[in-house]
């Protein structure tokens, strides 16, 4: 079960439905944590009215869902409060249709940071994802994880396959990586 209220973080409870109408379930909702950041254009100026989507990314489960949508102010800043303690992904919906993703760990009473700035230059990693029968896998999420320091809440970047199954990671630093097809949130 999922409970939420304005000014509080979402909470979940793994339980069965009460047997009788008089049975009660109690949820304790905390204030949660926050995510804030700064979004800048390639020239270094603020990116006003940029759309930011924040969603839970629980390893191995899609039951604990939570979403937030916000936009940056005139200075390119955003802040979302009352988020649950969870690994979250922050997605900057770039106007050039290349979403950028930052994983963060939200903790009660703390503020996590996810900034988006000019695209870094590096190596371009590209390829195609095909099904077993050779047909392209379109609109699939991919994660490029740094082999040394990556986990579900740091040191990875995301991409999405196009209609032909093609993907691009435009600014990878030289190094060793894992490339994952993410078929469900956190899997």
Protein backbone atom coordinates (compact mmCIF):
# COMPACT_ATOMS: atom_id res chain seq x y z
CA UNK A 1 0.00 0.00 0.00
CA UNK A 2 1.11 3.56 -0.72
CA UNK A 3 0.18 6.68 1.27
CA UNK A 4 0.96 10.32 0.57
CA UNK A 5 -0.10 13.73 1.85
CA UNK A 6 0.85 17.29 0.99
CA UNK A 7 3.95 18.36 2.93
CA UNK A 8 5.06 14.78 3.66
CA UNK A 9 7.09 12.09 1.92
CA UNK A 10 5.34 9.10 0.40
CA UNK A 11 5.35 5.92 2.50
CA UNK A 12 4.73 2.30 1.59
CA UNK A 13 3.63 -0.71 3.59
CA UNK A 14 3.82 -4.36 2.60
CA UNK A 15 0.68 -5.84 4.11
CA UNK A 16 -2.51 -7.67 3.31
CA UNK A 17 -5.90 -6.02 3.11
CA UNK A 18 -7.68 -5.78 6.49
CA UNK A 19 -10.04 -8.67 7.13
CA UNK A 20 -12.83 -6.51 8.58
CA UNK A 21 -14.05 -2.96 8.00
CA UNK A 22 -13.11 -2.11 11.59
CA UNK A 23 -9.46 -3.14 11.15
CA UNK A 24 -7.05 -0.22 10.82
CA UNK A 25 -3.74 0.35 9.10
CA UNK A 26 -1.44 3.09 10.31
CA UNK A 27 1.09 4.91 8.13
CA UNK A 28 3.75 7.18 9.54
CA UNK A 29 4.63 9.91 7.06
CA UNK A 30 7.88 11.79 7.55
CA UNK A 31 9.01 15.08 6.05
CA UNK A 32 11.36 13.26 3.68
CA UNK A 33 14.38 14.65 1.90
CA UNK A 34 14.91 17.10 -0.93
CA UNK A 35 16.64 17.33 -4.28
CA UNK A 36 17.89 20.61 -5.68
CA UNK A 37 20.07 21.65 -8.53
CA UNK A 38 21.13 24.11 -11.17
CA UNK A 39 20.59 23.71 -14.91
CA UNK A 40 22.83 25.71 -17.27
CA UNK A 41 22.97 25.98 -21.04
CA UNK A 42 26.03 25.11 -23.11
CA UNK A 43 27.15 28.78 -22.92
CA UNK A 44 27.06 28.62 -19.09
CA UNK A 45 23.93 30.76 -18.69
CA UNK A 46 20.90 29.64 -16.69
CA UNK A 47 18.33 27.39 -18.36
CA UNK A 48 14.99 28.82 -17.28
CA UNK A 49 11.79 26.76 -17.48
CA UNK A 50 13.65 23.48 -18.00
CA UNK A 51 11.47 20.45 -17.18
CA UNK A 52 12.78 18.14 -14.45
CA UNK A 53 11.22 14.74 -13.68
CA UNK A 54 12.10 12.83 -10.51
CA UNK A 55 11.13 9.18 -10.05
CA UNK A 56 11.95 6.38 -7.64
CA UNK A 57 14.29 3.68 -8.83
CA UNK A 58 14.06 0.77 -6.45
CA UNK A 59 16.29 -2.16 -7.24
CA UNK A 60 14.27 -5.13 -8.46
CA UNK A 61 10.80 -3.72 -7.79
CA UNK A 62 8.39 -1.33 -9.47
CA UNK A 63 5.90 -1.33 -6.60
CA UNK A 64 7.39 1.66 -4.79
CA UNK A 65 6.56 4.36 -7.30
CA UNK A 66 6.84 8.08 -6.68
CA UNK A 67 7.05 10.86 -9.25
CA UNK A 68 7.63 14.61 -9.11
CA UNK A 69 7.63 17.17 -11.90
CA UNK A 70 9.08 20.68 -11.65
CA UNK A 71 10.63 23.41 -13.78
CA UNK A 72 13.63 25.62 -13.21
CA UNK A 73 13.22 29.26 -12.26
CA UNK A 74 14.74 32.23 -14.14
CA UNK A 75 18.13 31.51 -12.52
CA UNK A 76 18.05 27.86 -13.69
CA UNK A 77 17.48 26.51 -10.16
CA UNK A 78 14.98 23.89 -8.99
CA UNK A 79 14.09 22.23 -5.70
CA UNK A 80 11.70 19.41 -4.82
CA UNK A 81 10.93 18.64 -1.19
CA UNK A 82 9.20 15.87 0.74
CA UNK A 83 10.65 12.99 -1.27
CA UNK A 84 10.84 9.49 0.24
CA UNK A 85 14.06 7.86 1.39
CA UNK A 86 14.96 6.05 -1.82
CA UNK A 87 17.26 5.96 -4.78
CA UNK A 88 15.78 8.47 -7.22
CA UNK A 89 16.56 9.37 -10.81
CA UNK A 90 16.47 13.01 -11.82
CA UNK A 91 15.76 13.49 -15.52
CA UNK A 92 16.41 16.79 -17.29
CA UNK A 93 14.12 16.81 -20.32
CA UNK A 94 16.40 18.74 -22.70
CA UNK A 95 14.63 20.64 -25.45
CA UNK A 96 16.84 18.90 -28.02
CA UNK A 97 15.21 15.55 -27.08
CA UNK A 98 18.32 14.18 -25.36
CA UNK A 99 17.24 13.60 -21.76
CA UNK A 100 20.00 13.56 -19.17
CA UNK A 101 19.74 11.41 -16.06
CA UNK A 102 21.38 11.76 -12.65
CA UNK A 103 20.88 9.15 -9.94
CA UNK A 104 20.70 10.43 -6.34
CA UNK A 105 20.09 8.95 -2.92
CA UNK A 106 17.39 10.80 -0.97
CA UNK A 107 17.56 10.66 2.82
CA UNK A 108 15.20 12.05 5.47
CA UNK A 109 16.13 15.62 6.42
CA UNK A 110 18.94 15.94 3.86
CA UNK A 111 19.20 17.66 0.49
CA UNK A 112 20.71 15.77 -2.44
CA UNK A 113 22.06 17.69 -5.43
CA UNK A 114 21.71 17.01 -9.16
CA UNK A 115 23.12 19.69 -11.47
CA UNK A 116 22.96 19.70 -15.25
CA UNK A 117 25.42 21.77 -17.22
CA UNK A 118 27.07 21.96 -20.59
CA UNK A 119 27.56 18.59 -22.21
CA UNK A 120 31.04 17.37 -21.45
CA UNK A 121 33.19 16.35 -24.35
CA UNK A 122 34.77 12.94 -24.48
CA UNK A 123 34.46 9.76 -26.45
CA UNK A 124 31.25 8.92 -28.26
CA UNK A 125 30.03 5.40 -27.58
CA UNK A 126 27.37 4.21 -29.98
CA UNK A 127 25.79 0.99 -31.20
CA UNK A 128 22.52 -0.80 -31.78
CA UNK A 129 20.38 -3.08 -29.64
CA UNK A 130 18.66 -5.89 -31.54
CA UNK A 131 16.24 -8.57 -30.43
CA UNK A 132 17.17 -12.23 -30.83
CA UNK A 133 15.37 -12.28 -34.21
CA UNK A 134 17.49 -9.34 -35.47
CA UNK A 135 14.79 -6.65 -35.29
CA UNK A 136 15.67 -3.33 -33.63
CA UNK A 137 14.71 -2.73 -30.01
CA UNK A 138 13.26 0.81 -30.00
CA UNK A 139 12.62 3.06 -26.98
CA UNK A 140 14.62 0.91 -24.59
CA UNK A 141 16.51 2.41 -21.63
CA UNK A 142 20.23 1.78 -21.35
CA UNK A 143 22.61 2.50 -18.50
CA UNK A 144 26.35 2.99 -18.89
CA UNK A 145 27.95 2.24 -15.51
CA UNK A 146 31.52 3.08 -14.56
CA UNK A 147 33.05 -0.30 -13.69
CA UNK A 148 34.95 1.05 -10.72
CA UNK A 149 32.63 3.40 -8.84
CA UNK A 150 29.11 2.89 -10.16
CA UNK A 151 26.10 1.75 -8.24
CA UNK A 152 22.39 2.52 -8.60
CA UNK A 153 22.79 6.04 -7.24
CA UNK A 154 26.06 7.32 -8.70
CA UNK A 155 28.55 7.15 -11.57
CA UNK A 156 26.27 6.17 -14.44
CA UNK A 157 24.50 7.80 -17.36
CA UNK A 158 21.44 6.83 -19.36
CA UNK A 159 20.45 6.71 -23.01
CA UNK A 160 17.42 5.55 -24.97
CA UNK A 161 17.41 3.53 -28.17
CA UNK A 162 15.96 5.08 -31.34
CA UNK A 163 13.58 3.41 -33.84
CA UNK A 164 16.50 1.54 -35.46
CA UNK A 165 17.76 0.30 -32.07
CA UNK A 166 20.64 2.78 -32.18
CA UNK A 167 21.94 4.46 -29.03
CA UNK A 168 24.59 7.07 -28.28
CA UNK A 169 26.47 8.08 -25.17
CA UNK A 170 27.98 11.34 -26.46
CA UNK A 171 30.54 12.18 -23.79
CA UNK A 172 31.97 9.05 -22.18
CA UNK A 173 35.31 9.40 -20.46
CA UNK A 174 37.92 6.78 -21.33
CA UNK A 175 37.59 3.83 -18.98
CA UNK A 176 35.91 0.49 -18.38
CA UNK A 177 32.12 0.30 -18.25
CA UNK A 178 29.16 -2.01 -17.89
CA UNK A 179 26.33 -1.45 -20.36
CA UNK A 180 22.92 -2.52 -19.06
CA UNK A 181 19.56 -2.81 -20.75
CA UNK A 182 17.16 -1.54 -18.09
CA UNK A 183 13.88 -3.29 -18.84
CA UNK A 184 12.13 -2.11 -15.64
CA UNK A 185 12.96 0.56 -13.12
CA UNK A 186 15.93 -0.70 -11.18
CA UNK A 187 16.24 -4.03 -13.04
